[in-house]
Amino acid sequence: MAVQRKLSGHRPDLRLYVARSSIDGQGLFTSKRILARKKIGEFGGELISQRVARWRARRNHKIAIVELRDGKAVDASRAPNWFRYINHSCSPNAYIRIYRRHIEFYARGEIRAGQEITCDYGESHHNGSLRCTCRAANCRGSL
């Protein structure tokens, strides 16, 4: 079932929605085709220190935190932002671009209507200890 509350951070013309994911819990989907290299939207949340981010990551089962290079991090775990629902995939259809504390998502290739939007989380606080559930042909097996 799709989340009905108002969420922020995306281009309204893309018609994004949150629904049950075959990867993990809920995921972010689009009901409209997204062309390759098009900006999908921006991750937003509370600006915190990396120290606080890592403390929260150890204490919580589900997190939505992106660390920045300047010792800060953005925590969307409780923020009304669509992009906190993007699941990891070893074969993603989107990528993250960080520029001046703006965490933006772009389509790697065309994303079909009804398809889940995914990105490769890259390095994470899990350090390979969390089993990957993306089911991609090239799945690395862990995060």
N, C-alpha and C. Protein backbone atom coordinates (compact mmCIF):
# COMPACT_ATOMS: atom_id res chain seq x y z
N MET A 1 0.84 -1.18 0.00
CA MET A 1 0.00 0.00 0.00
C MET A 1 0.88 1.24 0.00
N ALA A 2 0.57 2.21 -0.81
CA ALA A 2 1.36 3.43 -0.93
C ALA A 2 1.18 4.34 0.27
N VAL A 3 2.23 5.05 0.63
CA VAL A 3 2.16 6.03 1.71
C VAL A 3 1.34 7.21 1.22
N GLN A 4 0.37 7.65 2.01
CA GLN A 4 -0.52 8.71 1.59
C GLN A 4 -0.13 10.08 2.10
N ARG A 5 0.74 10.15 3.11
CA ARG A 5 1.09 11.47 3.66
C ARG A 5 1.95 12.26 2.69
N LYS A 6 1.95 13.57 2.89
CA LYS A 6 2.71 14.46 2.01
C LYS A 6 4.20 14.29 2.30
N LEU A 7 4.96 14.01 1.26
CA LEU A 7 6.40 13.88 1.37
C LEU A 7 7.04 14.91 0.46
N SER A 8 8.28 15.26 0.76
CA SER A 8 8.95 16.33 0.00
C SER A 8 10.20 15.82 -0.69
N GLY A 9 10.82 16.71 -1.50
CA GLY A 9 12.12 16.44 -2.06
C GLY A 9 12.16 16.04 -3.52
N HIS A 10 11.00 15.86 -4.15
CA HIS A 10 11.03 15.39 -5.53
C HIS A 10 10.37 16.38 -6.48
N ARG A 11 10.58 16.12 -7.76
CA ARG A 11 9.88 16.88 -8.79
C ARG A 11 8.47 16.31 -8.89
N PRO A 12 7.43 17.11 -8.65
CA PRO A 12 6.05 16.60 -8.65
C PRO A 12 5.63 15.94 -9.96
N ASP A 13 6.23 16.32 -11.07
CA ASP A 13 5.84 15.74 -12.36
C ASP A 13 6.25 14.28 -12.49
N LEU A 14 7.10 13.78 -11.60
CA LEU A 14 7.55 12.39 -11.70
C LEU A 14 6.57 11.40 -11.08
N ARG A 15 5.67 11.87 -10.25
CA ARG A 15 4.65 11.02 -9.61
C ARG A 15 5.28 9.85 -8.87
N LEU A 16 6.07 10.16 -7.87
CA LEU A 16 6.70 9.14 -7.05
C LEU A 16 5.73 8.65 -5.99
N TYR A 17 5.92 7.41 -5.57
CA TYR A 17 5.10 6.86 -4.49
C TYR A 17 5.89 5.81 -3.73
N VAL A 18 5.48 5.58 -2.50
CA VAL A 18 6.12 4.59 -1.64
C VAL A 18 5.21 3.37 -1.58
N ALA A 19 5.79 2.18 -1.78
CA ALA A 19 5.03 0.94 -1.76
C ALA A 19 5.91 -0.20 -1.26
N ARG A 20 5.30 -1.34 -1.03
CA ARG A 20 6.02 -2.54 -0.59
C ARG A 20 7.09 -2.88 -1.62
N SER A 21 8.29 -3.20 -1.12
CA SER A 21 9.43 -3.51 -1.98
C SER A 21 9.81 -4.97 -1.86
N SER A 22 10.20 -5.56 -2.97
CA SER A 22 10.71 -6.95 -2.93
C SER A 22 12.14 -6.98 -2.40
N ILE A 23 12.79 -5.81 -2.29
CA ILE A 23 14.16 -5.74 -1.78
C ILE A 23 14.16 -5.70 -0.26
N ASP A 24 13.45 -4.70 0.30
CA ASP A 24 13.42 -4.56 1.76
C ASP A 24 12.32 -3.59 2.18
N GLY A 25 11.35 -4.06 2.93
CA GLY A 25 10.32 -3.18 3.49
C GLY A 25 9.58 -2.39 2.44
N GLN A 26 9.70 -1.07 2.52
CA GLN A 26 9.07 -0.19 1.55
C GLN A 26 10.14 0.39 0.63
N GLY A 27 9.74 0.75 -0.56
CA GLY A 27 10.66 1.34 -1.53
C GLY A 27 10.02 2.51 -2.22
N LEU A 28 10.82 3.25 -2.97
CA LEU A 28 10.35 4.39 -3.73
C LEU A 28 10.16 3.97 -5.19
N PHE A 29 9.00 4.27 -5.74
CA PHE A 29 8.63 3.88 -7.10
C PHE A 29 8.19 5.12 -7.88
N THR A 30 8.17 5.00 -9.19
CA THR A 30 7.66 6.06 -10.04
C THR A 30 6.51 5.54 -10.88
N SER A 31 5.48 6.34 -11.04
CA SER A 31 4.37 5.93 -11.90
C SER A 31 4.51 6.54 -13.29
N LYS A 32 5.63 7.23 -13.52
CA LYS A 32 5.89 7.85 -14.82
C LYS A 32 7.33 7.52 -15.22
N ARG A 33 7.57 7.31 -16.48
CA ARG A 33 8.91 7.03 -16.99
C ARG A 33 9.85 8.20 -16.67
N ILE A 34 11.08 7.85 -16.25
CA ILE A 34 12.11 8.86 -15.99
C ILE A 34 13.23 8.62 -17.00
N LEU A 35 13.59 9.64 -17.72
CA LEU A 35 14.63 9.52 -18.74
C LEU A 35 16.02 9.44 -18.11
N ALA A 36 16.94 8.83 -18.81
CA ALA A 36 18.33 8.69 -18.36
C ALA A 36 18.93 10.06 -18.04
N ARG A 37 19.71 10.09 -16.97
CA ARG A 37 20.46 11.26 -16.52
C ARG A 37 19.58 12.41 -16.02
N LYS A 38 18.29 12.20 -15.85
CA LYS A 38 17.41 13.25 -15.34
C LYS A 38 17.43 13.25 -13.82
N LYS A 39 17.41 14.44 -13.26
CA LYS A 39 17.35 14.57 -11.80
C LYS A 39 15.99 14.07 -11.33
N ILE A 40 16.03 13.22 -10.30
CA ILE A 40 14.79 12.69 -9.73
C ILE A 40 14.37 13.54 -8.55
N GLY A 41 15.32 13.97 -7.74
CA GLY A 41 15.00 14.79 -6.58
C GLY A 41 16.15 14.85 -5.60
N GLU A 42 15.86 15.33 -4.40
CA GLU A 42 16.89 15.60 -3.42
C GLU A 42 16.53 15.01 -2.05
N PHE A 43 17.51 14.37 -1.45
CA PHE A 43 17.41 13.79 -0.11
C PHE A 43 17.47 14.95 0.89
N GLY A 44 16.60 14.96 1.85
CA GLY A 44 16.61 16.03 2.84
C GLY A 44 16.35 15.47 4.23
N GLY A 45 16.72 16.22 5.22
CA GLY A 45 16.51 15.79 6.60
C GLY A 45 17.28 16.69 7.55
N GLU A 46 17.55 16.16 8.71
CA GLU A 46 18.24 16.89 9.77
C GLU A 46 19.75 16.87 9.53
N LEU A 47 20.39 18.04 9.55
CA LEU A 47 21.84 18.14 9.42
C LEU A 47 22.46 17.89 10.80
N ILE A 48 23.29 16.85 10.89
CA ILE A 48 23.90 16.45 12.15
C ILE A 48 25.38 16.17 11.92
N SER A 49 26.12 15.98 13.00
CA SER A 49 27.54 15.62 12.87
C SER A 49 27.65 14.14 12.50
N GLN A 50 28.78 13.75 11.91
CA GLN A 50 29.00 12.34 11.59
C GLN A 50 29.04 11.51 12.87
N ARG A 51 29.53 12.08 13.93
CA ARG A 51 29.58 11.36 15.21
C ARG A 51 28.17 10.99 15.67
N VAL A 52 27.25 11.94 15.62
CA VAL A 52 25.86 11.67 15.99
C VAL A 52 25.24 10.68 15.00
N ALA A 53 25.56 10.83 13.71
CA ALA A 53 25.02 9.92 12.69
C ALA A 53 25.43 8.48 12.98
N ARG A 54 26.68 8.27 13.32
CA ARG A 54 27.16 6.91 13.59
C ARG A 54 26.56 6.35 14.88
N TRP A 55 26.34 7.21 15.85
CA TRP A 55 25.68 6.79 17.10
C TRP A 55 24.26 6.35 16.79
N ARG A 56 23.53 7.14 16.00
CA ARG A 56 22.16 6.78 15.63
C ARG A 56 22.13 5.49 14.81
N ALA A 57 23.09 5.32 13.93
CA ALA A 57 23.14 4.13 13.09
C ALA A 57 23.32 2.87 13.93
N ARG A 58 24.10 2.96 14.99
CA ARG A 58 24.30 1.80 15.88
C ARG A 58 23.06 1.48 16.69
N ARG A 59 22.26 2.47 17.00
CA ARG A 59 21.10 2.30 17.88
C ARG A 59 19.81 1.92 17.16
N ASN A 60 19.72 2.21 15.87
CA ASN A 60 18.46 2.01 15.15
C ASN A 60 18.57 0.93 14.08
N HIS A 61 17.51 0.16 13.94
CA HIS A 61 17.47 -0.91 12.95
C HIS A 61 17.37 -0.34 11.53
N LYS A 62 16.48 0.61 11.32
CA LYS A 62 16.29 1.23 10.01
C LYS A 62 16.77 2.67 10.08
N ILE A 63 17.65 3.04 9.16
CA ILE A 63 18.16 4.41 9.12
C ILE A 63 18.11 4.93 7.69
N ALA A 64 18.19 6.24 7.58
CA ALA A 64 18.28 6.90 6.27
C ALA A 64 19.23 8.07 6.46
N ILE A 65 20.52 7.74 6.48
CA ILE A 65 21.55 8.75 6.75
C ILE A 65 22.57 8.75 5.62
N VAL A 66 22.92 9.95 5.16
CA VAL A 66 23.97 10.10 4.17
C VAL A 66 25.05 10.99 4.79
N GLU A 67 26.28 10.48 4.82
CA GLU A 67 27.40 11.26 5.35
C GLU A 67 27.98 12.14 4.28
N LEU A 68 28.34 13.35 4.68
CA LEU A 68 28.96 14.32 3.78
C LEU A 68 30.46 14.35 4.06
N ARG A 69 31.22 14.99 3.21
CA ARG A 69 32.69 15.02 3.36
C ARG A 69 33.17 16.01 4.41
N ASP A 70 32.32 16.90 4.87
CA ASP A 70 32.74 17.96 5.79
C ASP A 70 32.51 17.63 7.27
N GLY A 71 32.36 16.34 7.59
CA GLY A 71 32.14 15.95 8.98
C GLY A 71 30.68 16.02 9.40
N LYS A 72 29.82 16.31 8.46
CA LYS A 72 28.39 16.38 8.72
C LYS A 72 27.68 15.21 8.05
N ALA A 73 26.41 15.06 8.38
CA ALA A 73 25.57 14.03 7.77
C ALA A 73 24.14 14.56 7.73
N VAL A 74 23.34 13.98 6.85
CA VAL A 74 21.93 14.32 6.76
C VAL A 74 21.14 13.07 7.15
N ASP A 75 20.29 13.22 8.16
CA ASP A 75 19.47 12.11 8.65
C ASP A 75 18.03 12.35 8.24
N ALA A 76 17.52 11.50 7.36
CA ALA A 76 16.13 11.60 6.90
C ALA A 76 15.26 10.52 7.55
N SER A 77 15.78 9.87 8.59
CA SER A 77 15.05 8.77 9.22
C SER A 77 13.66 9.16 9.69
N ARG A 78 13.51 10.38 10.13
CA ARG A 78 12.20 10.85 10.61
C ARG A 78 11.67 12.01 9.77
N ALA A 79 12.36 12.35 8.71
CA ALA A 79 11.96 13.49 7.87
C ALA A 79 10.92 13.06 6.84
N PRO A 80 10.04 13.97 6.47
CA PRO A 80 9.04 13.64 5.44
C PRO A 80 9.63 13.79 4.05
N ASN A 81 10.54 12.90 3.68
CA ASN A 81 11.25 12.99 2.42
C ASN A 81 11.17 11.66 1.68
N TRP A 82 10.78 11.70 0.41
CA TRP A 82 10.63 10.50 -0.41
C TRP A 82 11.89 9.65 -0.46
N PHE A 83 13.03 10.27 -0.52
CA PHE A 83 14.26 9.57 -0.83
C PHE A 83 14.80 8.71 0.31
N ARG A 84 14.22 8.83 1.48
CA ARG A 84 14.60 7.93 2.56
C ARG A 84 14.13 6.50 2.29
N TYR A 85 13.25 6.33 1.31
CA TYR A 85 12.73 5.01 0.97
C TYR A 85 13.49 4.33 -0.17
N ILE A 86 14.54 4.95 -0.67
CA ILE A 86 15.31 4.31 -1.74
C ILE A 86 16.13 3.15 -1.16
N ASN A 87 15.92 1.98 -1.70
CA ASN A 87 16.65 0.79 -1.27
C ASN A 87 17.94 0.63 -2.07
N HIS A 88 18.86 -0.13 -1.47
CA HIS A 88 20.13 -0.45 -2.12
C HIS A 88 19.93 -1.52 -3.17
N SER A 89 20.69 -1.42 -4.24
CA SER A 89 20.80 -2.49 -5.22
C SER A 89 22.23 -2.50 -5.74
N CYS A 90 22.75 -3.71 -5.94
CA CYS A 90 24.08 -3.85 -6.55
C CYS A 90 24.02 -3.54 -8.04
N SER A 91 22.82 -3.45 -8.60
CA SER A 91 22.60 -3.09 -9.99
C SER A 91 21.57 -1.95 -10.01
N PRO A 92 21.96 -0.76 -9.56
CA PRO A 92 21.01 0.33 -9.36
C PRO A 92 20.56 1.01 -10.65
N ASN A 93 19.41 1.68 -10.58
CA ASN A 93 18.94 2.46 -11.72
C ASN A 93 19.07 3.96 -11.46
N ALA A 94 19.62 4.33 -10.30
CA ALA A 94 19.83 5.74 -9.96
C ALA A 94 21.18 5.88 -9.26
N TYR A 95 21.68 7.11 -9.21
CA TYR A 95 22.91 7.37 -8.48
C TYR A 95 22.78 8.66 -7.68
N ILE A 96 23.67 8.80 -6.69
CA ILE A 96 23.67 9.96 -5.81
C ILE A 96 24.78 10.91 -6.26
N ARG A 97 24.46 12.19 -6.26
CA ARG A 97 25.45 13.25 -6.51
C ARG A 97 25.37 14.19 -5.31
N ILE A 98 26.50 14.39 -4.64
CA ILE A 98 26.55 15.30 -3.49
C ILE A 98 27.31 16.55 -3.91
N TYR A 99 26.65 17.69 -3.76
CA TYR A 99 27.26 18.96 -4.13
C TYR A 99 26.83 20.02 -3.10
N ARG A 100 27.81 20.51 -2.36
CA ARG A 100 27.55 21.56 -1.36
C ARG A 100 26.39 21.22 -0.42
N ARG A 101 26.46 20.06 0.18
CA ARG A 101 25.45 19.56 1.12
C ARG A 101 24.10 19.26 0.48
N HIS A 102 24.03 19.27 -0.84
CA HIS A 102 22.82 18.86 -1.54
C HIS A 102 23.03 17.42 -2.00
N ILE A 103 22.14 16.54 -1.60
CA ILE A 103 22.23 15.12 -1.92
C ILE A 103 21.16 14.84 -2.98
N GLU A 104 21.59 14.73 -4.23
CA GLU A 104 20.66 14.64 -5.34
C GLU A 104 20.67 13.24 -5.96
N PHE A 105 19.52 12.82 -6.45
CA PHE A 105 19.39 11.52 -7.11
C PHE A 105 19.11 11.73 -8.59
N TYR A 106 19.82 10.97 -9.43
CA TYR A 106 19.67 11.04 -10.88
C TYR A 106 19.46 9.63 -11.43
N ALA A 107 18.73 9.54 -12.54
CA ALA A 107 18.51 8.26 -13.22
C ALA A 107 19.77 7.86 -13.98
N ARG A 108 20.27 6.63 -13.77
CA ARG A 108 21.44 6.13 -14.51
C ARG A 108 21.06 5.85 -15.96
N GLY A 109 19.92 5.27 -16.13
CA GLY A 109 19.36 4.96 -17.45
C GLY A 109 17.87 5.23 -17.34
N GLU A 110 17.14 4.87 -18.35
CA GLU A 110 15.69 5.07 -18.30
C GLU A 110 15.09 4.21 -17.18
N ILE A 111 14.20 4.79 -16.41
CA ILE A 111 13.48 4.06 -15.35
C ILE A 111 12.02 3.99 -15.81
N ARG A 112 11.53 2.78 -15.94
CA ARG A 112 10.16 2.57 -16.42
C ARG A 112 9.12 2.89 -15.35
N ALA A 113 7.93 3.27 -15.78
CA ALA A 113 6.81 3.48 -14.87
C ALA A 113 6.56 2.20 -14.08
N GLY A 114 6.35 2.33 -12.79
CA GLY A 114 6.10 1.18 -11.92
C GLY A 114 7.36 0.54 -11.37
N GLN A 115 8.53 0.98 -11.82
CA GLN A 115 9.80 0.40 -11.38
C GLN A 115 10.25 1.04 -10.07
N GLU A 116 10.86 0.23 -9.20
CA GLU A 116 11.43 0.76 -7.96
C GLU A 116 12.72 1.51 -8.27
N ILE A 117 12.91 2.66 -7.62
CA ILE A 117 14.13 3.44 -7.78
C ILE A 117 15.13 2.94 -6.74
N THR A 118 16.34 2.57 -7.21
CA THR A 118 17.36 2.03 -6.32
C THR A 118 18.70 2.72 -6.57
N CYS A 119 19.57 2.66 -5.58
CA CYS A 119 20.94 3.16 -5.78
C CYS A 119 21.90 2.25 -5.01
N ASP A 120 23.16 2.32 -5.35
CA ASP A 120 24.20 1.56 -4.67
C ASP A 120 24.64 2.40 -3.48
N TYR A 121 24.44 1.90 -2.27
CA TYR A 121 24.80 2.66 -1.08
C TYR A 121 26.31 2.85 -0.94
N GLY A 122 27.10 2.04 -1.63
CA GLY A 122 28.54 2.16 -1.50
C GLY A 122 29.00 1.76 -0.11
N GLU A 123 29.98 2.45 0.42
CA GLU A 123 30.45 2.17 1.78
C GLU A 123 29.37 2.54 2.77
N SER A 124 29.21 1.70 3.78
CA SER A 124 28.21 1.99 4.82
C SER A 124 28.76 1.59 6.18
N HIS A 125 28.02 1.95 7.20
CA HIS A 125 28.43 1.62 8.57
C HIS A 125 28.36 0.12 8.84
N HIS A 126 27.75 -0.64 7.94
CA HIS A 126 27.63 -2.09 8.11
C HIS A 126 28.95 -2.82 7.88
N ASN A 127 29.84 -2.22 7.08
CA ASN A 127 31.15 -2.82 6.81
C ASN A 127 31.07 -4.27 6.36
N GLY A 128 30.10 -4.58 5.50
CA GLY A 128 29.97 -5.93 4.97
C GLY A 128 29.25 -6.91 5.87
N SER A 129 28.71 -6.45 7.00
CA SER A 129 28.07 -7.37 7.94
C SER A 129 26.57 -7.57 7.69
N LEU A 130 25.98 -6.77 6.81
CA LEU A 130 24.55 -6.87 6.53
C LEU A 130 24.35 -7.59 5.20
N ARG A 131 23.52 -8.64 5.21
CA ARG A 131 23.26 -9.41 3.99
C ARG A 131 22.47 -8.55 3.01
N CYS A 132 22.91 -8.53 1.76
CA CYS A 132 22.23 -7.79 0.70
C CYS A 132 21.05 -8.61 0.20
N THR A 133 19.91 -7.96 -0.01
CA THR A 133 18.71 -8.65 -0.46
C THR A 133 18.21 -8.12 -1.81
N CYS A 134 19.12 -7.52 -2.60
CA CYS A 134 18.70 -6.89 -3.85
C CYS A 134 18.35 -7.89 -4.95
N ARG A 135 18.89 -9.10 -4.89
CA ARG A 135 18.63 -10.16 -5.87
C ARG A 135 19.13 -9.86 -7.28
N ALA A 136 20.02 -8.88 -7.41
CA ALA A 136 20.58 -8.57 -8.73
C ALA A 136 21.52 -9.69 -9.16
N ALA A 137 21.66 -9.88 -10.46
CA ALA A 137 22.55 -10.92 -11.00
C ALA A 137 23.98 -10.72 -10.52
N ASN A 138 24.39 -9.46 -10.32
CA ASN A 138 25.75 -9.16 -9.87
C ASN A 138 25.81 -8.80 -8.38
N CYS A 139 24.87 -9.31 -7.59
CA CYS A 139 24.81 -8.97 -6.16
C CYS A 139 26.12 -9.34 -5.46
N ARG A 140 26.63 -8.40 -4.67
CA ARG A 140 27.87 -8.62 -3.91
C ARG A 140 27.64 -9.46 -2.65
N GLY A 141 26.38 -9.61 -2.25
CA GLY A 141 26.06 -10.46 -1.12
C GLY A 141 25.96 -9.74 0.22
N SER A 142 26.58 -8.59 0.34
CA SER A 142 26.52 -7.89 1.63
C SER A 142 26.71 -6.39 1.43
N LEU A 143 26.33 -5.66 2.46
CA LEU A 143 26.53 -4.21 2.49
C LEU A 143 27.56 -3.90 3.55
